[in-house]
């Protein structure tokens, strides 16, 4: 996958660069992103987020996903992504 990044503004109003780790498309033409901000959590692992990508006129909105079971093949992709990130977290 080609490297893709984007910038978000977090809850504290700070711009944070995020990298896309995986893109998942389902049968209903919904697109989901797995991405990280490379911030370590309490388990010393990088935060990994999952959001639905929604086009809104000229912009994109990341909508938080409440039920990860709705994303086809999510668990396998997520575990693979976590392993890849662990390799880079030394």
Protein backbone atom coordinates (compact mmCIF):
# COMPACT_ATOMS: atom_id res chain seq x y z
CA UNK A 1 0.00 0.00 0.00
CA UNK A 2 1.22 3.48 -0.84
CA UNK A 3 2.07 5.54 2.24
CA UNK A 4 -0.65 8.02 3.14
CA UNK A 5 -0.77 10.59 5.91
CA UNK A 6 -3.19 13.21 7.10
CA UNK A 7 -3.40 15.77 9.86
CA UNK A 8 -6.14 15.98 12.46
CA UNK A 9 -6.82 18.42 15.26
CA UNK A 10 -7.09 16.54 18.55
CA UNK A 11 -9.38 17.39 21.48
CA UNK A 12 -6.74 19.79 22.84
CA UNK A 13 -6.67 21.76 19.58
CA UNK A 14 -3.24 20.44 18.61
CA UNK A 15 -2.50 19.31 15.05
CA UNK A 16 -1.40 15.67 14.96
CA UNK A 17 0.03 13.84 11.94
CA UNK A 18 -1.50 10.40 11.41
CA UNK A 19 -0.43 7.61 9.08
CA UNK A 20 -2.90 5.28 7.37
CA UNK A 21 -2.07 1.66 8.18
CA UNK A 22 -4.81 -0.04 6.20
CA UNK A 23 -7.88 0.76 4.12
CA UNK A 24 -10.89 -1.56 4.18
CA UNK A 25 -13.77 -1.34 1.70
CA UNK A 26 -16.96 -3.29 2.33
CA UNK A 27 -19.73 -4.50 0.03
CA UNK A 28 -21.82 -1.39 0.73
CA UNK A 29 -19.05 0.88 -0.63
CA UNK A 30 -18.13 2.08 2.85
CA UNK A 31 -14.46 2.85 3.43
CA UNK A 32 -12.75 2.34 6.77
CA UNK A 33 -9.30 3.53 7.80
CA UNK A 34 -6.97 2.02 10.37
CA UNK A 35 -4.49 4.71 11.35
CA UNK A 36 -2.06 5.73 14.06
CA UNK A 37 -0.72 8.92 15.57
CA UNK A 38 2.39 7.06 16.83
CA UNK A 39 1.59 7.97 20.42
CA UNK A 40 2.24 5.15 22.88
CA UNK A 41 -0.62 4.01 25.11
CA UNK A 42 -0.42 2.63 28.67
CA UNK A 43 0.60 -0.80 27.29
CA UNK A 44 3.56 0.78 25.46
CA UNK A 45 1.85 0.12 22.11
CA UNK A 46 1.05 2.68 19.43
CA UNK A 47 -2.53 3.91 19.41
CA UNK A 48 -4.48 2.43 16.51
CA UNK A 49 -7.79 4.02 15.50
CA UNK A 50 -10.56 2.83 13.22
CA UNK A 51 -12.93 5.25 11.50
CA UNK A 52 -15.29 5.30 8.59
CA UNK A 53 -14.19 7.74 5.90
CA UNK A 54 -17.10 9.90 4.76
CA UNK A 55 -16.93 12.41 1.90
CA UNK A 56 -18.56 15.74 2.77
CA UNK A 57 -18.51 18.07 -0.24
CA UNK A 58 -14.80 18.92 -0.63
CA UNK A 59 -13.68 17.41 2.68
CA UNK A 60 -13.48 14.06 4.39
CA UNK A 61 -14.85 13.27 7.83
CA UNK A 62 -13.59 10.46 10.07
CA UNK A 63 -16.55 8.93 11.87
CA UNK A 64 -15.78 6.77 14.89
CA UNK A 65 -16.85 3.13 14.60
CA UNK A 66 -18.87 1.70 17.47
CA UNK A 67 -19.20 -1.90 16.24
CA UNK A 68 -16.00 -3.30 14.74
CA UNK A 69 -17.78 -6.58 13.95
CA UNK A 70 -19.48 -4.80 11.04
CA UNK A 71 -16.18 -4.40 9.19
CA UNK A 72 -15.42 -7.51 7.10
CA UNK A 73 -12.10 -9.14 8.02
CA UNK A 74 -11.30 -6.42 10.53
CA UNK A 75 -9.88 -8.58 13.30
CA UNK A 76 -7.30 -10.26 11.06
CA UNK A 77 -6.21 -6.96 9.54
CA UNK A 78 -6.02 -5.32 12.96
CA UNK A 79 -3.82 -8.08 14.40
CA UNK A 80 -1.49 -7.87 11.39
CA UNK A 81 -1.22 -4.09 11.75
CA UNK A 82 -0.45 -4.39 15.47
CA UNK A 83 2.35 -6.87 14.74
CA UNK A 84 3.85 -4.55 12.13
CA UNK A 85 3.73 -1.59 14.54
CA UNK A 86 5.35 -3.63 17.31
CA UNK A 87 8.33 -4.25 15.03
CA UNK A 88 8.83 -0.48 14.71
CA UNK A 89 8.34 0.23 18.44
CA UNK A 90 11.70 -0.38 20.01
